[in-house]
Amino acid sequence: MVLTDPAGFENANILNVTGQIMLTQKIVGQTNIFDMNTLPNGVYYLQLTGKSSITKKIIKF
């Protein structure tokens, strides 16, 4: 997964449906790549935090 233009966010977490953090990464620069190849297919949530926060649902298949 590629995250572009993450203005205002400092950290990113990938959580599973139970809220367990599966991946965590510090946001650096304008483009950030998350290697989700080790995760099984399913529903996950991308949680971005920093000056503000947002959570988005993502589906890996």
N, C-alpha and C. Protein backbone atom coordinates (compact mmCIF):
# COMPACT_ATOMS: atom_id res chain seq x y z
N MET A 1 0.84 -1.16 0.00
CA MET A 1 0.00 0.00 0.00
C MET A 1 0.89 1.23 0.00
N VAL A 2 0.51 2.24 -0.75
CA VAL A 2 1.28 3.47 -0.85
C VAL A 2 0.44 4.62 -0.32
N LEU A 3 1.01 5.42 0.57
CA LEU A 3 0.36 6.60 1.12
C LEU A 3 1.10 7.81 0.60
N THR A 4 0.39 8.70 -0.11
CA THR A 4 1.01 9.91 -0.64
C THR A 4 0.39 11.14 0.00
N ASP A 5 1.18 12.17 0.12
CA ASP A 5 0.78 13.46 0.69
C ASP A 5 0.14 13.33 2.07
N PRO A 6 0.89 12.79 3.04
CA PRO A 6 0.36 12.58 4.39
C PRO A 6 0.48 13.82 5.29
N ALA A 7 0.16 15.00 4.78
CA ALA A 7 0.35 16.25 5.52
C ALA A 7 -0.33 16.21 6.88
N GLY A 8 0.42 16.57 7.92
CA GLY A 8 -0.13 16.66 9.26
C GLY A 8 -0.10 15.37 10.06
N PHE A 9 0.27 14.26 9.42
CA PHE A 9 0.31 12.99 10.12
C PHE A 9 1.76 12.59 10.39
N GLU A 10 1.98 11.97 11.55
CA GLU A 10 3.33 11.59 11.95
C GLU A 10 3.54 10.08 12.04
N ASN A 11 2.48 9.34 12.36
CA ASN A 11 2.58 7.89 12.54
C ASN A 11 1.43 7.20 11.83
N ALA A 12 1.68 5.96 11.42
CA ALA A 12 0.64 5.16 10.78
C ALA A 12 0.65 3.76 11.38
N ASN A 13 -0.53 3.24 11.62
CA ASN A 13 -0.69 1.87 12.11
C ASN A 13 -1.65 1.13 11.19
N ILE A 14 -1.38 -0.14 10.98
CA ILE A 14 -2.32 -1.03 10.31
C ILE A 14 -2.87 -1.94 11.41
N LEU A 15 -4.18 -1.91 11.61
CA LEU A 15 -4.83 -2.71 12.65
C LEU A 15 -5.71 -3.77 12.02
N ASN A 16 -5.84 -4.92 12.70
CA ASN A 16 -6.78 -5.93 12.23
C ASN A 16 -8.17 -5.60 12.78
N VAL A 17 -9.17 -6.43 12.50
CA VAL A 17 -10.54 -6.12 12.89
C VAL A 17 -10.75 -6.15 14.40
N THR A 18 -9.85 -6.77 15.14
CA THR A 18 -9.97 -6.78 16.60
C THR A 18 -9.23 -5.61 17.24
N GLY A 19 -8.57 -4.78 16.44
CA GLY A 19 -7.85 -3.62 16.95
C GLY A 19 -6.39 -3.86 17.27
N GLN A 20 -5.91 -5.07 16.99
CA GLN A 20 -4.50 -5.39 17.23
C GLN A 20 -3.64 -4.71 16.16
N ILE A 21 -2.57 -4.05 16.60
CA ILE A 21 -1.65 -3.40 15.65
C ILE A 21 -0.82 -4.46 14.95
N MET A 22 -0.93 -4.51 13.64
CA MET A 22 -0.21 -5.49 12.83
C MET A 22 1.08 -4.90 12.26
N LEU A 23 1.05 -3.63 11.89
CA LEU A 23 2.22 -2.91 11.37
C LEU A 23 2.19 -1.50 11.93
N THR A 24 3.34 -0.95 12.17
CA THR A 24 3.43 0.44 12.59
C THR A 24 4.60 1.09 11.87
N GLN A 25 4.44 2.36 11.53
CA GLN A 25 5.48 3.03 10.76
C GLN A 25 5.42 4.53 11.01
N LYS A 26 6.57 5.14 11.11
CA LYS A 26 6.67 6.60 11.21
C LYS A 26 6.55 7.16 9.80
N ILE A 27 5.80 8.22 9.66
CA ILE A 27 5.61 8.84 8.34
C ILE A 27 6.76 9.81 8.08
N VAL A 28 7.44 9.58 6.95
CA VAL A 28 8.59 10.39 6.57
C VAL A 28 8.42 10.78 5.11
N GLY A 29 8.45 12.08 4.81
CA GLY A 29 8.37 12.53 3.43
C GLY A 29 6.96 12.47 2.86
N GLN A 30 6.88 12.61 1.55
CA GLN A 30 5.60 12.69 0.86
C GLN A 30 5.02 11.35 0.44
N THR A 31 5.86 10.31 0.32
CA THR A 31 5.40 8.99 -0.11
C THR A 31 5.88 7.95 0.88
N ASN A 32 4.95 7.14 1.37
CA ASN A 32 5.26 6.09 2.34
C ASN A 32 4.69 4.78 1.84
N ILE A 33 5.49 3.72 1.91
CA ILE A 33 5.08 2.40 1.41
C ILE A 33 4.95 1.45 2.58
N PHE A 34 3.84 0.73 2.62
CA PHE A 34 3.58 -0.27 3.66
C PHE A 34 3.61 -1.64 3.01
N ASP A 35 4.49 -2.50 3.48
CA ASP A 35 4.59 -3.86 2.95
C ASP A 35 3.62 -4.76 3.72
N MET A 36 2.48 -5.04 3.11
CA MET A 36 1.45 -5.86 3.74
C MET A 36 1.49 -7.30 3.23
N ASN A 37 2.56 -7.66 2.53
CA ASN A 37 2.67 -9.01 1.96
C ASN A 37 2.66 -10.10 3.02
N THR A 38 3.13 -9.79 4.22
CA THR A 38 3.18 -10.81 5.28
C THR A 38 1.84 -11.00 5.98
N LEU A 39 0.90 -10.11 5.73
CA LEU A 39 -0.42 -10.19 6.36
C LEU A 39 -1.37 -11.03 5.51
N PRO A 40 -2.22 -11.83 6.16
CA PRO A 40 -3.20 -12.59 5.39
C PRO A 40 -4.27 -11.67 4.79
N ASN A 41 -4.94 -12.16 3.76
CA ASN A 41 -6.03 -11.39 3.15
C ASN A 41 -7.10 -11.12 4.19
N GLY A 42 -7.74 -9.97 4.09
CA GLY A 42 -8.81 -9.64 5.02
C GLY A 42 -9.03 -8.15 5.14
N VAL A 43 -9.78 -7.77 6.15
CA VAL A 43 -10.12 -6.37 6.40
C VAL A 43 -9.15 -5.82 7.44
N TYR A 44 -8.63 -4.63 7.16
CA TYR A 44 -7.72 -3.94 8.07
C TYR A 44 -8.12 -2.48 8.14
N TYR A 45 -7.54 -1.78 9.10
CA TYR A 45 -7.79 -0.35 9.25
C TYR A 45 -6.46 0.38 9.26
N LEU A 46 -6.38 1.45 8.49
CA LEU A 46 -5.22 2.33 8.46
C LEU A 46 -5.52 3.48 9.40
N GLN A 47 -4.71 3.61 10.44
CA GLN A 47 -4.89 4.66 11.43
C GLN A 47 -3.72 5.63 11.31
N LEU A 48 -4.02 6.88 10.98
CA LEU A 48 -3.01 7.93 10.86
C LEU A 48 -3.17 8.87 12.04
N THR A 49 -2.04 9.18 12.70
CA THR A 49 -2.10 10.08 13.85
C THR A 49 -1.02 11.15 13.73
N GLY A 50 -1.23 12.23 14.42
CA GLY A 50 -0.31 13.37 14.42
C GLY A 50 -1.05 14.58 14.95
N LYS A 51 -1.04 15.67 14.20
CA LYS A 51 -1.79 16.87 14.60
C LYS A 51 -3.29 16.57 14.65
N SER A 52 -3.71 15.65 13.82
CA SER A 52 -5.08 15.16 13.84
C SER A 52 -5.00 13.65 13.63
N SER A 53 -6.12 12.98 13.62
CA SER A 53 -6.11 11.54 13.39
C SER A 53 -7.27 11.15 12.48
N ILE A 54 -7.07 10.02 11.79
CA ILE A 54 -8.09 9.51 10.88
C ILE A 54 -7.90 7.99 10.80
N THR A 55 -8.98 7.29 10.60
CA THR A 55 -8.93 5.84 10.42
C THR A 55 -9.71 5.49 9.17
N LYS A 56 -9.10 4.71 8.29
CA LYS A 56 -9.74 4.28 7.04
C LYS A 56 -9.72 2.77 6.95
N LYS A 57 -10.80 2.21 6.45
CA LYS A 57 -10.92 0.76 6.24
C LYS A 57 -10.22 0.40 4.93
N ILE A 58 -9.42 -0.67 4.96
CA ILE A 58 -8.78 -1.18 3.75
C ILE A 58 -9.03 -2.68 3.67
N ILE A 59 -9.11 -3.18 2.46
CA ILE A 59 -9.33 -4.61 2.25
C ILE A 59 -8.16 -5.15 1.44
N LYS A 60 -7.52 -6.18 1.98
CA LYS A 60 -6.40 -6.83 1.27
C LYS A 60 -6.93 -8.15 0.72
N PHE A 61 -6.72 -8.34 -0.57
CA PHE A 61 -7.13 -9.62 -1.18
C PHE A 61 -6.13 -10.05 -2.20
